Amino acid sequence: MDRLHHHLPALALGDTLHHLNIGLTPICDPRPSAADHLTLSAAIKTGQAHLQTHDARAQAPGARLDNQGARPLLLLEGESLSGAASDQVLEHSLLVPPRSTIGLALSPLGRSPAPQPRDRPRSSGQLLFASARARSAARLSTRLFGEPPYPGQPQALWEEVAHKRARMDCNDPARPGLEALYDEYAEFIAQYVAALPPQPDQIGAILAINGRVCGFELFAHPAILHELLPRIIASYALDAIECLNFTLQQPQPEVPGTLLDALSSAPVMTLPLGADSELLRLTAPGLSGGALIAEGRLLHLHAYRSPFPAQPETPLSAPPQLNG
């Protein structure tokens, strides 16, 4: 057992920003450092990394990643890959060493139309919506260590995506996986992203929906946070849009710092990943999530309230009603 406070830097909370029913509290590092690694999307865009998925007949989903660059690559848990026989997401965060080729553990999001021969798997630039990432994180911890059990009936990831699409009226089979959700609500997601920009020296965020603190994201460097924050906000927006018509169940919004306090003392289990990196998984009641540690540094920490506060227990009878 270890505790996350050994890895957390000195952090300062900024003023909470709001747009509609999302509240975002910036987490800043008073002494930020320059990033020494790249994201997967940035490396693929510049030709420094290449993905190749397994043959569609393979028994398990997966892919090979070739990092041809001189810097490590940061891959995020729940990051979506497209262009293969099925849309897939990364099972856990990972740091890929420079000039190396590794296999990736992926979870399928459902069958998509057969790709054309010229199609190459790629980072879609999207994350799995936050409520599904929360449950997926809990399932991974359960599978690895047998704890903590997630409350409620577990579902396969592709089932969660299918139910989300049905609740939000995105049933077009020509747009599989997450694509329909992000496309259908692109205008409203863009409004959330534009209204919640990164702040100077920001390395993380605490996010609330309808006044209820839902999750936490933290990175090692402001440059990485600034690149990834729009995707993170978009992933929460897909849940927030669905919850726009919900009635707040408590009289006062929660204090964001309470989640940070819970994390700083949360016990974790450790799984070595090789190349001087390890995966930490939260084992505290009421929390799910994990962290990626490399060479003793915290590169990515993501945590969620368990069960995720902003999620309907039963399908809505009609899609969300949006204004504006």
C-alpha atoms as a PDB file:
ATOM      1  CA  MET A   1       0.000   0.000   0.000  1.00  0.00           C
ATOM      2  CA  ASP A   2       1.072   3.554  -0.683  1.00  0.00           C
ATOM      3  CA  ARG A   3      -0.615   6.923  -0.488  1.00  0.00           C
ATOM      4  CA  LEU A   4      -0.973   9.488  -3.223  1.00  0.00           C
ATOM      5  CA  HIS A   5       0.221  12.406  -1.126  1.00  0.00           C
ATOM      6  CA  HIS A   6       3.787  11.102  -1.553  1.00  0.00           C
ATOM      7  CA  HIS A   7       3.513  11.926  -5.266  1.00  0.00           C
ATOM      8  CA  LEU A   8       1.340  15.052  -5.251  1.00  0.00           C
ATOM      9  CA  PRO A   9       3.176  18.352  -5.762  1.00  0.00           C
ATOM     10  CA  ALA A  10       2.244  21.569  -3.973  1.00  0.00           C
ATOM     11  CA  LEU A  11      -1.110  22.529  -5.473  1.00  0.00           C
ATOM     12  CA  ALA A  12      -3.246  25.671  -5.422  1.00  0.00           C
ATOM     13  CA  LEU A  13      -6.957  25.844  -6.263  1.00  0.00           C
ATOM     14  CA  GLY A  14      -8.122  28.680  -8.509  1.00  0.00           C
ATOM     15  CA  ASP A  15     -11.538  30.294  -8.702  1.00  0.00           C
ATOM     16  CA  THR A  16     -14.251  27.995  -9.984  1.00  0.00           C
ATOM     17  CA  LEU A  17     -15.481  28.650 -13.528  1.00  0.00           C
ATOM     18  CA  HIS A  18     -19.035  27.812 -14.586  1.00  0.00           C
ATOM     19  CA  HIS A  19     -20.902  27.148 -17.788  1.00  0.00           C
ATOM     20  CA  LEU A  20     -24.501  25.963 -17.578  1.00  0.00           C
ATOM     21  CA  ASN A  21     -24.346  22.977 -15.214  1.00  0.00           C
ATOM     22  CA  ILE A  22     -20.577  22.319 -15.211  1.00  0.00           C
ATOM     23  CA  GLY A  23     -18.291  23.826 -12.601  1.00  0.00           C
ATOM     24  CA  LEU A  24     -14.522  23.590 -13.141  1.00  0.00           C
ATOM     25  CA  THR A  25     -12.021  24.436 -10.409  1.00  0.00           C
ATOM     26  CA  PRO A  26      -8.494  24.878 -11.813  1.00  0.00           C
ATOM     27  CA  ILE A  27      -5.590  23.217 -10.012  1.00  0.00           C
ATOM     28  CA  CYS A  28      -2.340  25.125 -10.472  1.00  0.00           C
ATOM     29  CA  ASP A  29       1.297  24.398  -9.716  1.00  0.00           C
ATOM     30  CA  PRO A  30       3.103  27.448  -8.297  1.00  0.00           C
ATOM     31  CA  ARG A  31       6.339  26.155  -9.825  1.00  0.00           C
ATOM     32  CA  PRO A  32       5.419  24.581 -13.167  1.00  0.00           C
ATOM     33  CA  SER A  33       7.977  22.758 -15.292  1.00  0.00           C
ATOM     34  CA  ALA A  34       8.314  22.210 -19.029  1.00  0.00           C
ATOM     35  CA  ALA A  35       6.874  19.017 -20.495  1.00  0.00           C
ATOM     36  CA  ASP A  36       9.398  16.340 -21.454  1.00  0.00           C
ATOM     37  CA  HIS A  37       6.862  14.017 -23.108  1.00  0.00           C
ATOM     38  CA  LEU A  38       4.230  14.181 -25.861  1.00  0.00           C
ATOM     39  CA  THR A  39       0.612  13.107 -26.082  1.00  0.00           C
ATOM     40  CA  LEU A  40      -0.391  10.348 -28.481  1.00  0.00           C
ATOM     41  CA  SER A  41      -2.347  12.723 -30.732  1.00  0.00           C
ATOM     42  CA  ALA A  42       0.550  15.163 -31.008  1.00  0.00           C
ATOM     43  CA  ALA A  43       3.012  12.385 -31.863  1.00  0.00           C
ATOM     44  CA  ILE A  44       0.746  10.873 -34.527  1.00  0.00           C
ATOM     45  CA  LYS A  45       0.022  14.299 -36.020  1.00  0.00           C
ATOM     46  CA  THR A  46       3.739  15.023 -36.415  1.00  0.00           C
ATOM     47  CA  GLY A  47       4.548  11.548 -37.726  1.00  0.00           C
ATOM     48  CA  GLN A  48       6.548  10.507 -34.684  1.00  0.00           C
ATOM     49  CA  ALA A  49       4.219   7.627 -33.788  1.00  0.00           C
ATOM     50  CA  HIS A  50       2.282   5.006 -35.742  1.00  0.00           C
ATOM     51  CA  LEU A  51      -0.529   2.671 -34.713  1.00  0.00           C
ATOM     52  CA  GLN A  52      -1.413  -0.713 -36.123  1.00  0.00           C
ATOM     53  CA  THR A  53      -4.354  -2.686 -34.763  1.00  0.00           C
ATOM     54  CA  HIS A  54      -4.540  -6.438 -34.554  1.00  0.00           C
ATOM     55  CA  ASP A  55      -6.267  -8.320 -37.306  1.00  0.00           C
ATOM     56  CA  ALA A  56     -10.064  -8.247 -36.958  1.00  0.00           C
ATOM     57  CA  ARG A  57      -9.970 -12.035 -36.401  1.00  0.00           C
ATOM     58  CA  ALA A  58      -7.785 -11.677 -33.301  1.00  0.00           C
ATOM     59  CA  GLN A  59      -9.299 -13.099 -30.121  1.00  0.00           C
ATOM     60  CA  ALA A  60      -8.635  -9.924 -28.101  1.00  0.00           C
ATOM     61  CA  PRO A  61      -8.708  -6.260 -29.121  1.00  0.00           C
ATOM     62  CA  GLY A  62      -5.397  -4.481 -29.134  1.00  0.00           C
ATOM     63  CA  ALA A  63      -2.865  -2.537 -31.131  1.00  0.00           C
ATOM     64  CA  ARG A  64       0.847  -1.963 -31.552  1.00  0.00           C
ATOM     65  CA  LEU A  65       2.274   1.497 -31.103  1.00  0.00           C
ATOM     66  CA  ASP A  66       5.586   2.449 -32.650  1.00  0.00           C
ATOM     67  CA  ASN A  67       7.116   5.521 -31.005  1.00  0.00           C
ATOM     68  CA  GLN A  68       9.789   6.696 -33.423  1.00  0.00           C
ATOM     69  CA  GLY A  69      10.407   9.988 -31.632  1.00  0.00           C
ATOM     70  CA  ALA A  70      13.011  11.021 -29.096  1.00  0.00           C
ATOM     71  CA  ARG A  71      10.486  11.721 -26.317  1.00  0.00           C
ATOM     72  CA  PRO A  72       8.164   9.430 -24.332  1.00  0.00           C
ATOM     73  CA  LEU A  73       4.470   9.397 -25.207  1.00  0.00           C
ATOM     74  CA  LEU A  74       1.667   9.781 -22.656  1.00  0.00           C
ATOM     75  CA  LEU A  75      -1.451   7.720 -23.400  1.00  0.00           C
ATOM     76  CA  LEU A  76      -4.610   8.308 -21.367  1.00  0.00           C
ATOM     77  CA  GLU A  77      -6.975   5.766 -19.882  1.00  0.00           C
ATOM     78  CA  GLY A  78     -10.207   5.994 -21.881  1.00  0.00           C
ATOM     79  CA  GLU A  79      -8.565   7.542 -24.958  1.00  0.00           C
ATOM     80  CA  SER A  80     -10.399   6.492 -28.105  1.00  0.00           C
ATOM     81  CA  LEU A  81      -8.780   4.914 -31.162  1.00  0.00           C
ATOM     82  CA  SER A  82     -10.641   4.880 -34.469  1.00  0.00           C
ATOM     83  CA  GLY A  83     -10.127   3.508 -37.949  1.00  0.00           C
ATOM     84  CA  ALA A  84     -10.019  -0.173 -37.071  1.00  0.00           C
ATOM     85  CA  ALA A  85     -12.654  -2.921 -37.260  1.00  0.00           C
ATOM     86  CA  SER A  86     -14.164  -1.485 -34.110  1.00  0.00           C
ATOM     87  CA  ASP A  87     -13.702   1.679 -32.100  1.00  0.00           C
ATOM     88  CA  GLN A  88     -11.606   0.935 -29.034  1.00  0.00           C
ATOM     89  CA  VAL A  89     -10.351   2.748 -25.937  1.00  0.00           C
ATOM     90  CA  LEU A  90      -7.176   2.382 -23.939  1.00  0.00           C
ATOM     91  CA  GLU A  91      -7.645   0.401 -20.748  1.00  0.00           C
ATOM     92  CA  HIS A  92      -5.170   2.391 -18.666  1.00  0.00           C
ATOM     93  CA  SER A  93      -2.738   5.292 -18.880  1.00  0.00           C
ATOM     94  CA  LEU A  94       0.715   4.453 -20.126  1.00  0.00           C
ATOM     95  CA  LEU A  95       4.078   6.069 -20.868  1.00  0.00           C
ATOM     96  CA  VAL A  96       5.697   4.721 -24.038  1.00  0.00           C
ATOM     97  CA  PRO A  97       9.504   5.050 -24.064  1.00  0.00           C
ATOM     98  CA  PRO A  98      11.176   6.796 -27.015  1.00  0.00           C
ATOM     99  CA  ARG A  99      12.132   4.704 -30.031  1.00  0.00           C
ATOM    100  CA  SER A 100      10.205   1.670 -28.862  1.00  0.00           C
ATOM    101  CA  THR A 101       7.292  -0.493 -29.995  1.00  0.00           C
ATOM    102  CA  ILE A 102       4.762  -1.856 -27.508  1.00  0.00           C
ATOM    103  CA  GLY A 103       1.402  -3.594 -27.465  1.00  0.00           C
ATOM    104  CA  LEU A 104      -1.638  -1.708 -26.142  1.00  0.00           C
ATOM    105  CA  ALA A 105      -4.476  -3.158 -24.078  1.00  0.00           C
ATOM    106  CA  LEU A 106      -7.763  -1.926 -25.561  1.00  0.00           C
ATOM    107  CA  SER A 107     -11.469  -2.306 -24.813  1.00  0.00           C
ATOM    108  CA  PRO A 108     -13.963  -2.443 -27.722  1.00  0.00           C
ATOM    109  CA  LEU A 109     -16.826   0.041 -27.968  1.00  0.00           C
ATOM    110  CA  GLY A 110     -18.845  -2.053 -30.409  1.00  0.00           C
ATOM    111  CA  ARG A 111     -18.635  -3.141 -33.978  1.00  0.00           C
ATOM    112  CA  SER A 112     -18.190  -0.456 -36.632  1.00  0.00           C
ATOM    113  CA  PRO A 113     -18.338  -0.707 -40.416  1.00  0.00           C
ATOM    114  CA  ALA A 114     -15.405  -2.557 -41.980  1.00  0.00           C
ATOM    115  CA  PRO A 115     -12.525  -0.135 -42.648  1.00  0.00           C
ATOM    116  CA  GLN A 116     -11.188   0.554 -46.080  1.00  0.00           C
ATOM    117  CA  PRO A 117      -7.730  -0.881 -46.801  1.00  0.00           C
ATOM    118  CA  ARG A 118      -6.225   2.603 -46.637  1.00  0.00           C
ATOM    119  CA  ASP A 119      -7.682   3.259 -43.187  1.00  0.00           C
ATOM    120  CA  ARG A 120      -5.143   3.431 -40.383  1.00  0.00           C
ATOM    121  CA  PRO A 121      -5.971   3.334 -36.684  1.00  0.00           C
ATOM    122  CA  ARG A 122      -5.533   6.737 -35.108  1.00  0.00           C
ATOM    123  CA  SER A 123      -6.210   8.664 -31.974  1.00  0.00           C
ATOM    124  CA  SER A 124      -9.684  10.112 -32.466  1.00  0.00           C
ATOM    125  CA  GLY A 125      -8.923  13.064 -30.205  1.00  0.00           C
ATOM    126  CA  GLN A 126     -11.824  11.970 -28.002  1.00  0.00           C
ATOM    127  CA  LEU A 127     -12.153  10.445 -24.565  1.00  0.00           C
ATOM    128  CA  LEU A 128     -14.795   8.072 -23.338  1.00  0.00           C
ATOM    129  CA  PHE A 129     -17.503  10.112 -21.581  1.00  0.00           C
ATOM    130  CA  ALA A 130     -16.678  10.689 -17.924  1.00  0.00           C
ATOM    131  CA  SER A 131     -19.315   8.480 -16.277  1.00  0.00           C
ATOM    132  CA  ALA A 132     -18.180   5.482 -18.338  1.00  0.00           C
ATOM    133  CA  ARG A 133     -14.523   6.231 -17.568  1.00  0.00           C
ATOM    134  CA  ALA A 134     -15.418   6.200 -13.877  1.00  0.00           C
ATOM    135  CA  ARG A 135     -17.012   2.766 -14.049  1.00  0.00           C
ATOM    136  CA  SER A 136     -14.316   1.424 -16.347  1.00  0.00           C
ATOM    137  CA  ALA A 137     -11.668   2.564 -13.857  1.00  0.00           C
ATOM    138  CA  ALA A 138     -13.466   0.742 -11.043  1.00  0.00           C
ATOM    139  CA  ARG A 139     -13.777  -2.433 -13.123  1.00  0.00           C
ATOM    140  CA  LEU A 140     -10.067  -2.376 -13.918  1.00  0.00           C
ATOM    141  CA  SER A 141      -9.176  -2.066 -10.231  1.00  0.00           C
ATOM    142  CA  THR A 142     -11.530  -4.917  -9.419  1.00  0.00           C
ATOM    143  CA  ARG A 143     -10.005  -7.111 -12.117  1.00  0.00           C
ATOM    144  CA  LEU A 144      -6.431  -6.368 -11.045  1.00  0.00           C
ATOM    145  CA  PHE A 145      -6.804  -6.446  -7.275  1.00  0.00           C
ATOM    146  CA  GLY A 146     -10.298  -7.626  -6.431  1.00  0.00           C
ATOM    147  CA  GLU A 147     -11.245  -4.224  -4.975  1.00  0.00           C
ATOM    148  CA  PRO A 148     -13.053  -1.921  -4.730  1.00  0.00           C
ATOM    149  CA  PRO A 149     -16.299  -3.465  -6.015  1.00  0.00           C
ATOM    150  CA  TYR A 150     -18.347  -0.975  -7.997  1.00  0.00           C
ATOM    151  CA  PRO A 151     -21.912  -0.443  -6.721  1.00  0.00           C
ATOM    152  CA  GLY A 152     -24.678  -1.507  -9.073  1.00  0.00           C
ATOM    153  CA  GLN A 153     -24.743  -3.972 -11.917  1.00  0.00           C
ATOM    154  CA  PRO A 154     -21.571  -3.938 -14.049  1.00  0.00           C
ATOM    155  CA  GLN A 155     -21.954  -3.563 -17.790  1.00  0.00           C
ATOM    156  CA  ALA A 156     -19.581  -4.158 -20.653  1.00  0.00           C
ATOM    157  CA  LEU A 157     -18.142  -0.956 -22.014  1.00  0.00           C
ATOM    158  CA  TRP A 158     -19.846  -1.311 -25.372  1.00  0.00           C
ATOM    159  CA  GLU A 159     -23.170  -1.724 -23.554  1.00  0.00           C
ATOM    160  CA  GLU A 160     -22.616   1.525 -21.669  1.00  0.00           C
ATOM    161  CA  VAL A 161     -21.928   3.344 -24.923  1.00  0.00           C
ATOM    162  CA  ALA A 162     -24.989   1.785 -26.567  1.00  0.00           C
ATOM    163  CA  HIS A 163     -27.255   2.781 -23.656  1.00  0.00           C
ATOM    164  CA  LYS A 164     -25.821   6.307 -23.654  1.00  0.00           C
ATOM    165  CA  ARG A 165     -26.486   6.636 -27.386  1.00  0.00           C
ATOM    166  CA  ALA A 166     -30.062   5.429 -26.889  1.00  0.00           C
ATOM    167  CA  ARG A 167     -30.726   7.858 -24.032  1.00  0.00           C
ATOM    168  CA  MET A 168     -29.327  10.748 -26.062  1.00  0.00           C
ATOM    169  CA  ASP A 169     -31.122   9.720 -29.280  1.00  0.00           C
ATOM    170  CA  CYS A 170     -27.966   8.883 -31.279  1.00  0.00           C
ATOM    171  CA  ASN A 171     -28.901   5.642 -33.001  1.00  0.00           C
ATOM    172  CA  ASP A 172     -27.495   6.184 -36.497  1.00  0.00           C
ATOM    173  CA  PRO A 173     -25.634   2.921 -37.356  1.00  0.00           C
ATOM    174  CA  ALA A 174     -23.497   4.825 -39.885  1.00  0.00           C
ATOM    175  CA  ARG A 175     -21.867   6.698 -36.977  1.00  0.00           C
ATOM    176  CA  PRO A 176     -20.716   4.010 -34.559  1.00  0.00           C
ATOM    177  CA  GLY A 177     -19.204   4.150 -31.104  1.00  0.00           C
ATOM    178  CA  LEU A 178     -18.636   7.592 -29.634  1.00  0.00           C
ATOM    179  CA  GLU A 179     -18.761   9.347 -32.989  1.00  0.00           C
ATOM    180  CA  ALA A 180     -22.527   9.870 -32.994  1.00  0.00           C
ATOM    181  CA  LEU A 181     -22.530  11.367 -29.499  1.00  0.00           C
ATOM    182  CA  TYR A 182     -19.754  13.829 -30.183  1.00  0.00           C
ATOM    183  CA  ASP A 183     -21.153  14.766 -33.591  1.00  0.00           C
ATOM    184  CA  GLU A 184     -24.767  15.155 -32.459  1.00  0.00           C
ATOM    185  CA  TYR A 185     -23.894  17.486 -29.588  1.00  0.00           C
ATOM    186  CA  ALA A 186     -20.805  19.136 -31.085  1.00  0.00           C
ATOM    187  CA  GLU A 187     -22.248  22.669 -30.914  1.00  0.00           C
ATOM    188  CA  PHE A 188     -23.095  22.439 -27.229  1.00  0.00           C
ATOM    189  CA  ILE A 189     -19.861  20.649 -26.333  1.00  0.00           C
ATOM    190  CA  ALA A 190     -17.942  23.462 -28.041  1.00  0.00           C
ATOM    191  CA  GLN A 191     -19.751  25.988 -25.842  1.00  0.00           C
ATOM    192  CA  TYR A 192     -18.633  24.194 -22.682  1.00  0.00           C
ATOM    193  CA  VAL A 193     -15.034  23.991 -23.955  1.00  0.00           C
ATOM    194  CA  ALA A 194     -14.917  27.677 -24.959  1.00  0.00           C
ATOM    195  CA  ALA A 195     -16.349  28.831 -21.629  1.00  0.00           C
ATOM    196  CA  LEU A 196     -13.862  26.837 -19.517  1.00  0.00           C
ATOM    197  CA  PRO A 197     -10.396  27.697 -20.899  1.00  0.00           C
ATOM    198  CA  PRO A 198      -7.156  26.653 -19.186  1.00  0.00           C
ATOM    199  CA  GLN A 199      -5.619  29.107 -16.757  1.00  0.00           C
ATOM    200  CA  PRO A 200      -1.922  30.071 -16.432  1.00  0.00           C
ATOM    201  CA  ASP A 201       0.140  27.374 -14.686  1.00  0.00           C
ATOM    202  CA  GLN A 202      -2.916  25.067 -14.566  1.00  0.00           C
ATOM    203  CA  ILE A 203      -2.043  21.381 -14.348  1.00  0.00           C
ATOM    204  CA  GLY A 204      -5.383  19.917 -13.317  1.00  0.00           C
ATOM    205  CA  ALA A 205      -9.088  20.390 -12.712  1.00  0.00           C
ATOM    206  CA  ILE A 206     -11.866  19.352 -10.350  1.00  0.00           C
ATOM    207  CA  LEU A 207     -15.156  19.019 -12.220  1.00  0.00           C
ATOM    208  CA  ALA A 208     -18.714  19.185 -10.921  1.00  0.00           C
ATOM    209  CA  ILE A 209     -22.043  18.632 -12.663  1.00  0.00           C
ATOM    210  CA  ASN A 210     -25.209  20.193 -11.229  1.00  0.00           C
ATOM    211  CA  GLY A 211     -23.192  21.276  -8.196  1.00  0.00           C
ATOM    212  CA  ARG A 212     -21.998  17.763  -7.389  1.00  0.00           C
ATOM    213  CA  VAL A 213     -18.261  17.080  -7.562  1.00  0.00           C
ATOM    214  CA  CYS A 214     -17.743  14.233 -10.033  1.00  0.00           C
ATOM    215  CA  GLY A 215     -14.082  13.935 -10.955  1.00  0.00           C
ATOM    216  CA  PHE A 216     -10.504  15.092 -10.899  1.00  0.00           C
ATOM    217  CA  GLU A 217      -7.719  15.242 -13.502  1.00  0.00           C
ATOM    218  CA  LEU A 218      -4.073  16.110 -12.846  1.00  0.00           C
ATOM    219  CA  PHE A 219      -0.987  16.200 -15.072  1.00  0.00           C
ATOM    220  CA  ALA A 220       2.687  16.947 -14.514  1.00  0.00           C
ATOM    221  CA  HIS A 221       2.974  19.990 -16.784  1.00  0.00           C
ATOM    222  CA  PRO A 222       0.745  22.908 -17.864  1.00  0.00           C
ATOM    223  CA  ALA A 223       1.447  22.269 -21.563  1.00  0.00           C
ATOM    224  CA  ILE A 224      -0.028  18.769 -21.336  1.00  0.00           C
ATOM    225  CA  LEU A 225      -3.073  20.006 -19.428  1.00  0.00           C
ATOM    226  CA  HIS A 226      -3.637  22.831 -21.909  1.00  0.00           C
ATOM    227  CA  GLU A 227      -3.636  20.354 -24.803  1.00  0.00           C
ATOM    228  CA  LEU A 228      -5.878  17.782 -23.123  1.00  0.00           C
ATOM    229  CA  LEU A 229      -8.319  19.966 -21.157  1.00  0.00           C
ATOM    230  CA  PRO A 230     -10.718  20.489 -24.118  1.00  0.00           C
ATOM    231  CA  ARG A 231     -11.070  16.698 -24.448  1.00  0.00           C
ATOM    232  CA  ILE A 232     -11.626  16.288 -20.733  1.00  0.00           C
ATOM    233  CA  ILE A 233     -14.296  18.995 -20.662  1.00  0.00           C
ATOM    234  CA  ALA A 234     -15.966  17.443 -23.713  1.00  0.00           C
ATOM    235  CA  SER A 235     -16.098  14.061 -21.964  1.00  0.00           C
ATOM    236  CA  TYR A 236     -17.841  15.638 -18.965  1.00  0.00           C
ATOM    237  CA  ALA A 237     -20.091  17.692 -21.239  1.00  0.00           C
ATOM    238  CA  LEU A 238     -21.632  14.515 -22.656  1.00  0.00           C
ATOM    239  CA  ASP A 239     -22.809  13.691 -19.134  1.00  0.00           C
ATOM    240  CA  ALA A 240     -23.686  17.288 -18.265  1.00  0.00           C
ATOM    241  CA  ILE A 241     -25.891  17.704 -21.355  1.00  0.00           C
ATOM    242  CA  GLU A 242     -27.819  14.597 -20.389  1.00  0.00           C
ATOM    243  CA  CYS A 243     -28.244  16.015 -16.869  1.00  0.00           C
ATOM    244  CA  LEU A 244     -29.346  19.541 -17.822  1.00  0.00           C
ATOM    245  CA  ASN A 245     -32.930  18.820 -16.800  1.00  0.00           C
ATOM    246  CA  PHE A 246     -32.048  17.074 -13.533  1.00  0.00           C
ATOM    247  CA  THR A 247     -33.064  18.699 -10.265  1.00  0.00           C
ATOM    248  CA  LEU A 248     -30.206  19.348  -7.847  1.00  0.00           C
ATOM    249  CA  GLN A 249     -30.591  16.859  -5.007  1.00  0.00           C
ATOM    250  CA  GLN A 250     -28.832  18.959  -2.360  1.00  0.00           C
ATOM    251  CA  PRO A 251     -29.318  22.581  -1.274  1.00  0.00           C
ATOM    252  CA  GLN A 252     -25.681  23.703  -1.568  1.00  0.00           C
ATOM    253  CA  PRO A 253     -22.989  22.846  -4.134  1.00  0.00           C
ATOM    254  CA  GLU A 254     -20.155  20.700  -2.833  1.00  0.00           C
ATOM    255  CA  VAL A 255     -16.750  22.173  -2.014  1.00  0.00           C
ATOM    256  CA  PRO A 256     -14.228  21.060  -4.695  1.00  0.00           C
ATOM    257  CA  GLY A 257     -11.350  20.777  -2.228  1.00  0.00           C
ATOM    258  CA  THR A 258     -13.021  17.894  -0.400  1.00  0.00           C
ATOM    259  CA  LEU A 259     -12.217  15.548  -3.286  1.00  0.00           C
ATOM    260  CA  LEU A 260      -8.579  16.639  -3.255  1.00  0.00           C
ATOM    261  CA  ASP A 261      -8.445  15.992   0.503  1.00  0.00           C
ATOM    262  CA  ALA A 262      -9.867  12.504   0.006  1.00  0.00           C
ATOM    263  CA  LEU A 263      -7.332  11.743  -2.714  1.00  0.00           C
ATOM    264  CA  SER A 264      -4.341  12.906  -0.715  1.00  0.00           C
ATOM    265  CA  SER A 265      -4.993  10.218   1.913  1.00  0.00           C
ATOM    266  CA  ALA A 266      -6.435   7.506  -0.340  1.00  0.00           C
ATOM    267  CA  PRO A 267      -4.752   4.095  -0.179  1.00  0.00           C
ATOM    268  CA  VAL A 268      -3.689   2.654  -3.522  1.00  0.00           C
ATOM    269  CA  MET A 269      -2.479  -0.612  -5.015  1.00  0.00           C
ATOM    270  CA  THR A 270       0.542  -0.629  -7.320  1.00  0.00           C
ATOM    271  CA  LEU A 271       1.105  -2.517 -10.567  1.00  0.00           C
ATOM    272  CA  PRO A 272       4.583  -2.316 -12.200  1.00  0.00           C
ATOM    273  CA  LEU A 273       4.449  -1.497 -15.919  1.00  0.00           C
ATOM    274  CA  GLY A 274       8.153  -1.682 -16.767  1.00  0.00           C
ATOM    275  CA  ALA A 275      10.498   1.054 -17.991  1.00  0.00           C
ATOM    276  CA  ASP A 276      10.551   2.608 -14.483  1.00  0.00           C
ATOM    277  CA  SER A 277       6.797   3.226 -14.537  1.00  0.00           C
ATOM    278  CA  GLU A 278       3.922   1.890 -12.471  1.00  0.00           C
ATOM    279  CA  LEU A 279       0.160   2.048 -12.381  1.00  0.00           C
ATOM    280  CA  LEU A 280      -1.572   3.072  -9.153  1.00  0.00           C
ATOM    281  CA  ARG A 281      -5.216   2.168  -8.569  1.00  0.00           C
ATOM    282  CA  LEU A 282      -7.403   3.773  -5.917  1.00  0.00           C
ATOM    283  CA  THR A 283      -8.837   1.422  -3.308  1.00  0.00           C
ATOM    284  CA  ALA A 284     -10.725   3.973  -1.181  1.00  0.00           C
ATOM    285  CA  PRO A 285     -14.489   3.550  -0.726  1.00  0.00           C
ATOM    286  CA  GLY A 286     -16.440   6.078  -2.775  1.00  0.00           C
ATOM    287  CA  LEU A 287     -13.623   6.674  -5.274  1.00  0.00           C
ATOM    288  CA  SER A 288     -12.456   5.076  -8.502  1.00  0.00           C
ATOM    289  CA  GLY A 289      -9.527   5.948 -10.712  1.00  0.00           C
ATOM    290  CA  GLY A 290      -5.785   5.635 -10.853  1.00  0.00           C
ATOM    291  CA  ALA A 291      -2.459   7.264 -11.527  1.00  0.00           C
ATOM    292  CA  LEU A 292       0.584   6.794 -13.734  1.00  0.00           C
ATOM    293  CA  ILE A 293       3.991   7.146 -12.068  1.00  0.00           C
ATOM    294  CA  ALA A 294       7.201   7.250 -14.125  1.00  0.00           C
ATOM    295  CA  GLU A 295      10.658   7.611 -12.615  1.00  0.00           C
ATOM    296  CA  GLY A 296       9.044   8.624  -9.343  1.00  0.00           C
ATOM    297  CA  ARG A 297       6.990  11.424 -10.959  1.00  0.00           C
ATOM    298  CA  LEU A 298       3.220  11.652 -11.129  1.00  0.00           C
ATOM    299  CA  LEU A 299       2.356  12.074 -14.833  1.00  0.00           C
ATOM    300  CA  HIS A 300      -1.403  11.565 -14.747  1.00  0.00           C
ATOM    301  CA  LEU A 301      -3.952  11.169 -11.980  1.00  0.00           C
ATOM    302  CA  HIS A 302      -7.656  10.721 -12.647  1.00  0.00           C
ATOM    303  CA  ALA A 303     -10.277  10.044 -10.012  1.00  0.00           C
ATOM    304  CA  TYR A 304     -14.069   9.914  -9.858  1.00  0.00           C
ATOM    305  CA  ARG A 305     -16.769   9.778  -7.255  1.00  0.00           C
ATOM    306  CA  SER A 306     -18.146   6.242  -7.054  1.00  0.00           C
ATOM    307  CA  PRO A 307     -20.918   5.880  -7.990  1.00  0.00           C
ATOM    308  CA  PHE A 308     -20.622   8.705 -10.481  1.00  0.00           C
ATOM    309  CA  PRO A 309     -23.079  11.405  -9.284  1.00  0.00           C
ATOM    310  CA  ALA A 310     -24.267  12.605 -12.698  1.00  0.00           C
ATOM    311  CA  GLN A 311     -25.787   9.541 -14.296  1.00  0.00           C
ATOM    312  CA  PRO A 312     -29.439   8.533 -14.713  1.00  0.00           C
ATOM    313  CA  GLU A 313     -30.307   5.173 -13.182  1.00  0.00           C
ATOM    314  CA  THR A 314     -32.959   4.504 -15.818  1.00  0.00           C
ATOM    315  CA  PRO A 315     -33.108   5.611 -19.466  1.00  0.00           C
ATOM    316  CA  LEU A 316     -34.802   8.924 -20.083  1.00  0.00           C
ATOM    317  CA  SER A 317     -38.054   8.812 -22.025  1.00  0.00           C
ATOM    318  CA  ALA A 318     -36.798  11.576 -24.318  1.00  0.00           C
ATOM    319  CA  PRO A 319     -33.399  12.991 -25.308  1.00  0.00           C
ATOM    320  CA  PRO A 320     -32.048  16.024 -23.424  1.00  0.00           C
ATOM    321  CA  GLN A 321     -33.739  19.330 -24.145  1.00  0.00           C
ATOM    322  CA  LEU A 322     -31.175  22.014 -25.023  1.00  0.00           C
ATOM    323  CA  ASN A 323     -31.540  25.747 -25.213  1.00  0.00           C
ATOM    324  CA  GLY A 324     -29.316  28.342 -26.827  1.00  0.00           C
END
